[in-house]
Amino acid sequence: AGGIAQVDDQGVPFACEGENYSSGDCFLSTTDEGIAAARAFCPLERLESLVSLKPTRKEAFLLFLEACLEPQAFSTLESFYNEEVRRRCFGSDGDVLEADYLVSQLEKAGGLVWKKAWVTTEEGKRFADQVRRVPEKKI
């Protein structure tokens, strides 16, 4: 898919023929496209994408990341959500979302992990810290 290119020992791209390929004559290097694809899997990138796609849910995502700095049972998160967060998080159609949606999205993005309880990952901690340090732009 263009993520890796064959290069000579000086890093200059060239094409190796299938049967003429020799490990001593051909080297592989990650292309710019490969670097971009690898970055897309980085939890910090996925969390940023999640929040930028759902800006009205940013505060709820951050509150869940912060709540799980200490391991939390889902029932505790659900209660926390229903009591503290629910009114802050609306879907694009105006529907109120459920706690399991937020947990699922944060898990897929690499911000939460299940370790016999929900726990914020190191990347989730860094992301929440970075977002909290950047002041909101006023229009």
N, C-alpha and C. Protein backbone atom coordinates (compact mmCIF):
# COMPACT_ATOMS: atom_id res chain seq x y z
N ALA A 1 0.82 -1.20 0.00
CA ALA A 1 0.00 0.00 0.00
C ALA A 1 0.86 1.25 0.00
N GLY A 2 2.15 1.09 -0.20
CA GLY A 2 3.02 2.25 -0.29
C GLY A 2 3.63 2.69 1.04
N GLY A 3 3.45 1.91 2.08
CA GLY A 3 3.99 2.26 3.39
C GLY A 3 5.46 1.93 3.56
N ILE A 4 5.96 1.02 2.73
CA ILE A 4 7.37 0.61 2.80
C ILE A 4 7.92 0.60 1.38
N ALA A 5 9.14 1.10 1.22
CA ALA A 5 9.78 1.11 -0.09
C ALA A 5 11.13 0.41 0.01
N GLN A 6 11.53 -0.18 -1.10
CA GLN A 6 12.85 -0.78 -1.17
C GLN A 6 13.85 0.32 -1.50
N VAL A 7 14.98 0.33 -0.82
CA VAL A 7 16.01 1.35 -1.03
C VAL A 7 17.37 0.67 -1.07
N ASP A 8 18.35 1.35 -1.64
CA ASP A 8 19.70 0.80 -1.58
C ASP A 8 20.33 1.16 -0.24
N ASP A 9 21.56 0.80 -0.03
CA ASP A 9 22.18 1.03 1.28
C ASP A 9 22.41 2.51 1.58
N GLN A 10 22.19 3.37 0.59
CA GLN A 10 22.31 4.82 0.81
C GLN A 10 20.94 5.46 1.05
N GLY A 11 19.88 4.65 1.05
CA GLY A 11 18.54 5.17 1.26
C GLY A 11 17.87 5.67 -0.01
N VAL A 12 18.43 5.37 -1.16
CA VAL A 12 17.87 5.80 -2.44
C VAL A 12 16.88 4.73 -2.92
N PRO A 13 15.61 5.12 -3.22
CA PRO A 13 14.62 4.13 -3.66
C PRO A 13 15.00 3.47 -4.99
N PHE A 14 14.69 2.21 -5.12
CA PHE A 14 14.83 1.48 -6.38
C PHE A 14 13.95 0.25 -6.31
N ALA A 15 13.74 -0.39 -7.44
CA ALA A 15 12.89 -1.58 -7.49
C ALA A 15 13.75 -2.82 -7.57
N CYS A 16 13.51 -3.78 -6.70
CA CYS A 16 14.17 -5.08 -6.76
C CYS A 16 13.26 -6.02 -7.52
N GLU A 17 13.80 -6.78 -8.41
CA GLU A 17 13.02 -7.79 -9.12
C GLU A 17 12.80 -8.98 -8.20
N GLY A 18 11.63 -9.58 -8.26
CA GLY A 18 11.26 -10.67 -7.38
C GLY A 18 12.32 -11.75 -7.20
N GLU A 19 12.73 -12.42 -8.27
CA GLU A 19 13.69 -13.53 -8.14
C GLU A 19 15.11 -13.05 -7.98
N ASN A 20 15.37 -11.80 -8.34
CA ASN A 20 16.72 -11.27 -8.22
C ASN A 20 16.95 -10.62 -6.85
N TYR A 21 15.94 -10.65 -6.01
CA TYR A 21 16.06 -10.01 -4.70
C TYR A 21 17.12 -10.70 -3.86
N SER A 22 17.99 -9.92 -3.30
CA SER A 22 19.02 -10.43 -2.41
C SER A 22 19.02 -9.55 -1.17
N SER A 23 18.97 -10.17 0.01
CA SER A 23 18.91 -9.37 1.23
C SER A 23 20.15 -8.49 1.38
N GLY A 24 21.24 -8.82 0.72
CA GLY A 24 22.43 -7.99 0.79
C GLY A 24 22.36 -6.78 -0.14
N ASP A 25 21.46 -6.83 -1.11
CA ASP A 25 21.38 -5.76 -2.11
C ASP A 25 20.20 -4.82 -1.90
N CYS A 26 19.24 -5.21 -1.10
CA CYS A 26 18.00 -4.46 -0.96
C CYS A 26 17.72 -4.17 0.51
N PHE A 27 17.29 -2.97 0.79
CA PHE A 27 16.89 -2.59 2.14
C PHE A 27 15.47 -2.04 2.08
N LEU A 28 14.77 -2.10 3.19
CA LEU A 28 13.42 -1.55 3.26
C LEU A 28 13.43 -0.31 4.13
N SER A 29 12.60 0.65 3.76
CA SER A 29 12.48 1.89 4.51
C SER A 29 11.01 2.29 4.57
N THR A 30 10.61 2.86 5.68
CA THR A 30 9.24 3.35 5.82
C THR A 30 9.09 4.64 5.03
N THR A 31 8.04 4.73 4.22
CA THR A 31 7.77 5.93 3.43
C THR A 31 7.00 6.95 4.27
N ASP A 32 6.82 8.13 3.73
CA ASP A 32 6.01 9.15 4.41
C ASP A 32 4.59 8.64 4.63
N GLU A 33 4.07 7.90 3.66
CA GLU A 33 2.73 7.33 3.80
C GLU A 33 2.70 6.30 4.93
N GLY A 34 3.77 5.52 5.05
CA GLY A 34 3.86 4.53 6.13
C GLY A 34 3.93 5.19 7.48
N ILE A 35 4.68 6.27 7.58
CA ILE A 35 4.78 7.02 8.83
C ILE A 35 3.42 7.58 9.22
N ALA A 36 2.71 8.15 8.24
CA ALA A 36 1.37 8.70 8.51
C ALA A 36 0.41 7.61 8.96
N ALA A 37 0.49 6.43 8.33
CA ALA A 37 -0.39 5.31 8.72
C ALA A 37 -0.07 4.85 10.14
N ALA A 38 1.20 4.76 10.47
CA ALA A 38 1.59 4.34 11.82
C ALA A 38 1.12 5.35 12.86
N ARG A 39 1.22 6.63 12.55
CA ARG A 39 0.77 7.67 13.48
C ARG A 39 -0.73 7.58 13.72
N ALA A 40 -1.48 7.16 12.71
CA ALA A 40 -2.93 7.05 12.86
C ALA A 40 -3.32 6.02 13.92
N PHE A 41 -2.41 5.09 14.23
CA PHE A 41 -2.69 4.09 15.25
C PHE A 41 -2.25 4.53 16.64
N CYS A 42 -1.56 5.64 16.73
CA CYS A 42 -1.09 6.16 18.01
C CYS A 42 -2.29 6.59 18.84
N PRO A 43 -2.40 6.12 20.10
CA PRO A 43 -3.54 6.51 20.94
C PRO A 43 -3.73 8.02 21.07
N LEU A 44 -2.65 8.79 21.15
CA LEU A 44 -2.81 10.24 21.25
C LEU A 44 -3.48 10.81 20.01
N GLU A 45 -3.13 10.29 18.85
CA GLU A 45 -3.76 10.73 17.60
C GLU A 45 -5.22 10.30 17.56
N ARG A 46 -5.50 9.06 17.98
CA ARG A 46 -6.88 8.56 17.96
C ARG A 46 -7.75 9.33 18.94
N LEU A 47 -7.22 9.66 20.12
CA LEU A 47 -7.98 10.44 21.10
C LEU A 47 -8.26 11.84 20.58
N GLU A 48 -7.26 12.46 19.97
CA GLU A 48 -7.45 13.79 19.39
C GLU A 48 -8.52 13.75 18.31
N SER A 49 -8.48 12.73 17.47
CA SER A 49 -9.47 12.57 16.41
C SER A 49 -10.88 12.38 17.00
N LEU A 50 -10.97 11.56 18.04
CA LEU A 50 -12.26 11.32 18.69
C LEU A 50 -12.86 12.61 19.21
N VAL A 51 -12.06 13.41 19.89
CA VAL A 51 -12.55 14.66 20.47
C VAL A 51 -12.85 15.69 19.38
N SER A 52 -12.01 15.74 18.35
CA SER A 52 -12.27 16.73 17.30
C SER A 52 -13.51 16.38 16.48
N LEU A 53 -13.81 15.08 16.36
CA LEU A 53 -15.02 14.67 15.64
C LEU A 53 -16.28 14.88 16.48
N LYS A 54 -16.13 14.86 17.78
CA LYS A 54 -17.27 14.97 18.70
C LYS A 54 -16.99 16.07 19.74
N PRO A 55 -16.81 17.33 19.31
CA PRO A 55 -16.41 18.38 20.26
C PRO A 55 -17.41 18.61 21.39
N THR A 56 -18.69 18.34 21.16
CA THR A 56 -19.67 18.53 22.24
C THR A 56 -19.53 17.49 23.33
N ARG A 57 -18.78 16.43 23.05
CA ARG A 57 -18.59 15.36 24.03
C ARG A 57 -17.22 15.44 24.71
N LYS A 58 -16.43 16.45 24.35
CA LYS A 58 -15.07 16.56 24.87
C LYS A 58 -15.02 16.52 26.39
N GLU A 59 -15.83 17.32 27.03
CA GLU A 59 -15.79 17.38 28.50
C GLU A 59 -16.14 16.03 29.11
N ALA A 60 -17.12 15.35 28.55
CA ALA A 60 -17.50 14.03 29.08
C ALA A 60 -16.36 13.03 28.90
N PHE A 61 -15.71 13.04 27.72
CA PHE A 61 -14.56 12.14 27.50
C PHE A 61 -13.46 12.43 28.52
N LEU A 62 -13.17 13.71 28.74
CA LEU A 62 -12.11 14.07 29.69
C LEU A 62 -12.49 13.66 31.12
N LEU A 63 -13.73 13.85 31.49
CA LEU A 63 -14.15 13.46 32.84
C LEU A 63 -14.01 11.95 33.05
N PHE A 64 -14.29 11.16 32.04
CA PHE A 64 -14.13 9.71 32.16
C PHE A 64 -12.66 9.34 32.27
N LEU A 65 -11.81 9.98 31.46
CA LEU A 65 -10.37 9.71 31.56
C LEU A 65 -9.86 10.05 32.95
N GLU A 66 -10.32 11.18 33.48
CA GLU A 66 -9.88 11.60 34.82
C GLU A 66 -10.46 10.72 35.91
N ALA A 67 -11.69 10.28 35.75
CA ALA A 67 -12.31 9.41 36.76
C ALA A 67 -11.59 8.07 36.86
N CYS A 68 -11.04 7.62 35.74
CA CYS A 68 -10.40 6.30 35.71
C CYS A 68 -8.90 6.35 36.00
N LEU A 69 -8.43 7.47 36.52
CA LEU A 69 -7.04 7.51 36.98
C LEU A 69 -6.88 6.49 38.09
N GLU A 70 -7.93 6.27 38.83
CA GLU A 70 -8.03 5.17 39.80
C GLU A 70 -8.97 4.14 39.17
N PRO A 71 -8.68 2.85 39.27
CA PRO A 71 -9.54 1.83 38.66
C PRO A 71 -11.01 1.98 39.09
N GLN A 72 -11.91 1.85 38.11
CA GLN A 72 -13.34 2.04 38.36
C GLN A 72 -14.14 0.88 37.77
N ALA A 73 -15.10 0.41 38.53
CA ALA A 73 -16.07 -0.56 38.00
C ALA A 73 -17.00 0.19 37.05
N PHE A 74 -17.55 -0.52 36.08
CA PHE A 74 -18.46 0.15 35.15
C PHE A 74 -19.66 0.72 35.89
N SER A 75 -20.17 0.00 36.89
CA SER A 75 -21.34 0.50 37.63
C SER A 75 -21.04 1.84 38.30
N THR A 76 -19.82 2.03 38.77
CA THR A 76 -19.43 3.30 39.37
C THR A 76 -19.38 4.40 38.31
N LEU A 77 -18.82 4.07 37.15
CA LEU A 77 -18.78 5.04 36.06
C LEU A 77 -20.18 5.41 35.59
N GLU A 78 -21.06 4.42 35.52
CA GLU A 78 -22.42 4.68 35.09
C GLU A 78 -23.14 5.60 36.08
N SER A 79 -22.96 5.37 37.36
CA SER A 79 -23.55 6.24 38.38
C SER A 79 -22.98 7.65 38.28
N PHE A 80 -21.66 7.74 38.16
CA PHE A 80 -20.98 9.03 38.01
C PHE A 80 -21.53 9.76 36.79
N TYR A 81 -21.69 9.06 35.70
CA TYR A 81 -22.20 9.65 34.48
C TYR A 81 -23.62 10.16 34.68
N ASN A 82 -24.47 9.32 35.23
CA ASN A 82 -25.87 9.70 35.41
C ASN A 82 -26.03 10.87 36.37
N GLU A 83 -25.17 10.96 37.37
CA GLU A 83 -25.29 12.02 38.37
C GLU A 83 -24.56 13.31 37.97
N GLU A 84 -23.42 13.19 37.31
CA GLU A 84 -22.56 14.35 37.07
C GLU A 84 -22.38 14.77 35.61
N VAL A 85 -22.35 13.82 34.72
CA VAL A 85 -21.88 14.10 33.36
C VAL A 85 -22.99 14.14 32.32
N ARG A 86 -24.02 13.38 32.50
CA ARG A 86 -25.05 13.16 31.47
C ARG A 86 -25.53 14.45 30.81
N ARG A 87 -25.79 15.46 31.58
CA ARG A 87 -26.33 16.70 31.03
C ARG A 87 -25.33 17.42 30.12
N ARG A 88 -24.05 17.05 30.18
CA ARG A 88 -23.02 17.72 29.38
C ARG A 88 -22.78 17.04 28.04
N CYS A 89 -23.34 15.88 27.82
CA CYS A 89 -22.98 15.09 26.64
C CYS A 89 -24.21 14.72 25.83
N PHE A 90 -24.37 15.36 24.70
CA PHE A 90 -25.50 15.09 23.83
C PHE A 90 -25.00 14.57 22.49
N GLY A 91 -25.80 13.71 21.90
CA GLY A 91 -25.47 13.21 20.57
C GLY A 91 -25.77 14.27 19.54
N SER A 92 -25.36 14.05 18.30
CA SER A 92 -25.56 15.03 17.25
C SER A 92 -27.04 15.29 16.99
N ASP A 93 -27.88 14.32 17.30
CA ASP A 93 -29.32 14.50 17.10
C ASP A 93 -30.01 15.00 18.36
N GLY A 94 -29.25 15.37 19.37
CA GLY A 94 -29.83 15.90 20.61
C GLY A 94 -30.13 14.83 21.64
N ASP A 95 -29.95 13.55 21.29
CA ASP A 95 -30.19 12.48 22.25
C ASP A 95 -29.08 12.45 23.29
N VAL A 96 -29.44 12.12 24.50
CA VAL A 96 -28.45 11.95 25.54
C VAL A 96 -27.80 10.58 25.34
N LEU A 97 -26.50 10.53 25.42
CA LEU A 97 -25.77 9.28 25.24
C LEU A 97 -25.67 8.53 26.55
N GLU A 98 -25.25 7.28 26.48
CA GLU A 98 -25.10 6.45 27.67
C GLU A 98 -23.62 6.28 28.01
N ALA A 99 -23.34 5.93 29.24
CA ALA A 99 -21.98 5.77 29.73
C ALA A 99 -21.22 4.71 28.94
N ASP A 100 -21.88 3.63 28.55
CA ASP A 100 -21.18 2.56 27.84
C ASP A 100 -20.65 3.04 26.49
N TYR A 101 -21.34 3.99 25.86
CA TYR A 101 -20.86 4.57 24.61
C TYR A 101 -19.52 5.28 24.83
N LEU A 102 -19.45 6.11 25.86
CA LEU A 102 -18.24 6.87 26.14
C LEU A 102 -17.08 5.95 26.49
N VAL A 103 -17.34 4.95 27.31
CA VAL A 103 -16.30 3.99 27.69
C VAL A 103 -15.81 3.26 26.44
N SER A 104 -16.72 2.80 25.60
CA SER A 104 -16.37 2.08 24.39
C SER A 104 -15.51 2.93 23.45
N GLN A 105 -15.91 4.18 23.25
CA GLN A 105 -15.16 5.06 22.36
C GLN A 105 -13.75 5.33 22.90
N LEU A 106 -13.65 5.54 24.21
CA LEU A 106 -12.34 5.78 24.81
C LEU A 106 -11.46 4.53 24.77
N GLU A 107 -12.07 3.37 24.91
CA GLU A 107 -11.30 2.13 24.82
C GLU A 107 -10.77 1.95 23.40
N LYS A 108 -11.62 2.14 22.40
CA LYS A 108 -11.21 1.99 21.00
C LYS A 108 -10.09 2.97 20.63
N ALA A 109 -10.14 4.16 21.22
CA ALA A 109 -9.14 5.19 20.92
C ALA A 109 -7.85 4.99 21.70
N GLY A 110 -7.85 4.07 22.67
CA GLY A 110 -6.64 3.82 23.44
C GLY A 110 -6.50 4.64 24.71
N GLY A 111 -7.59 5.26 25.15
CA GLY A 111 -7.55 6.08 26.36
C GLY A 111 -7.90 5.33 27.62
N LEU A 112 -8.70 4.27 27.50
CA LEU A 112 -9.08 3.43 28.63
C LEU A 112 -8.74 1.98 28.31
N VAL A 113 -8.46 1.22 29.36
CA VAL A 113 -8.20 -0.20 29.20
C VAL A 113 -8.87 -0.94 30.37
N TRP A 114 -9.32 -2.16 30.09
CA TRP A 114 -9.94 -2.98 31.12
C TRP A 114 -8.86 -3.83 31.79
N LYS A 115 -8.65 -3.63 33.08
CA LYS A 115 -7.72 -4.45 33.88
C LYS A 115 -8.44 -4.82 35.17
N LYS A 116 -9.49 -5.64 35.01
CA LYS A 116 -10.39 -6.01 36.10
C LYS A 116 -11.15 -4.80 36.62
N ALA A 117 -10.97 -3.67 35.99
CA ALA A 117 -11.68 -2.41 36.22
C ALA A 117 -11.22 -1.49 35.09
N TRP A 118 -11.97 -0.41 34.86
CA TRP A 118 -11.58 0.54 33.82
C TRP A 118 -10.50 1.46 34.36
N VAL A 119 -9.40 1.55 33.60
CA VAL A 119 -8.25 2.34 34.00
C VAL A 119 -7.80 3.20 32.82
N THR A 120 -7.42 4.44 33.11
CA THR A 120 -6.90 5.33 32.08
C THR A 120 -5.48 4.88 31.71
N THR A 121 -5.21 4.81 30.42
CA THR A 121 -3.88 4.44 29.94
C THR A 121 -2.92 5.62 30.12
N GLU A 122 -1.65 5.36 29.98
CA GLU A 122 -0.66 6.45 30.05
C GLU A 122 -0.93 7.49 28.96
N GLU A 123 -1.30 7.03 27.77
CA GLU A 123 -1.62 7.94 26.69
C GLU A 123 -2.87 8.75 27.01
N GLY A 124 -3.86 8.12 27.64
CA GLY A 124 -5.06 8.83 28.06
C GLY A 124 -4.76 9.92 29.07
N LYS A 125 -3.83 9.62 30.00
CA LYS A 125 -3.42 10.63 30.99
C LYS A 125 -2.74 11.80 30.30
N ARG A 126 -1.82 11.49 29.39
CA ARG A 126 -1.11 12.57 28.68
C ARG A 126 -2.08 13.41 27.87
N PHE A 127 -3.02 12.74 27.21
CA PHE A 127 -3.99 13.47 26.39
C PHE A 127 -4.82 14.41 27.26
N ALA A 128 -5.36 13.91 28.37
CA ALA A 128 -6.18 14.75 29.25
C ALA A 128 -5.37 15.93 29.78
N ASP A 129 -4.13 15.68 30.17
CA ASP A 129 -3.26 16.76 30.65
C ASP A 129 -3.05 17.81 29.57
N GLN A 130 -2.77 17.37 28.34
CA GLN A 130 -2.53 18.31 27.24
C GLN A 130 -3.77 19.15 26.96
N VAL A 131 -4.93 18.51 26.91
CA VAL A 131 -6.16 19.22 26.60
C VAL A 131 -6.50 20.21 27.70
N ARG A 132 -6.33 19.83 28.94
CA ARG A 132 -6.64 20.72 30.06
C ARG A 132 -5.71 21.93 30.10
N ARG A 133 -4.48 21.78 29.60
CA ARG A 133 -3.52 22.89 29.62
C ARG A 133 -3.76 23.90 28.50
N VAL A 134 -4.45 23.49 27.42
CA VAL A 134 -4.69 24.38 26.29
C VAL A 134 -5.98 25.13 26.53
N PRO A 135 -5.92 26.47 26.64
CA PRO A 135 -7.15 27.23 26.86
C PRO A 135 -8.07 27.17 25.66
N GLU A 136 -9.37 27.19 25.93
CA GLU A 136 -10.37 27.18 24.85
C GLU A 136 -10.31 28.51 24.10
N LYS A 137 -10.50 28.47 22.79
CA LYS A 137 -10.54 29.68 21.98
C LYS A 137 -11.94 30.28 22.08
N LYS A 138 -12.01 31.56 22.30
CA LYS A 138 -13.29 32.26 22.37
C LYS A 138 -13.55 32.92 21.01
N ILE A 139 -14.76 32.78 20.55
CA ILE A 139 -15.12 33.36 19.25
C ILE A 139 -15.86 34.67 19.48
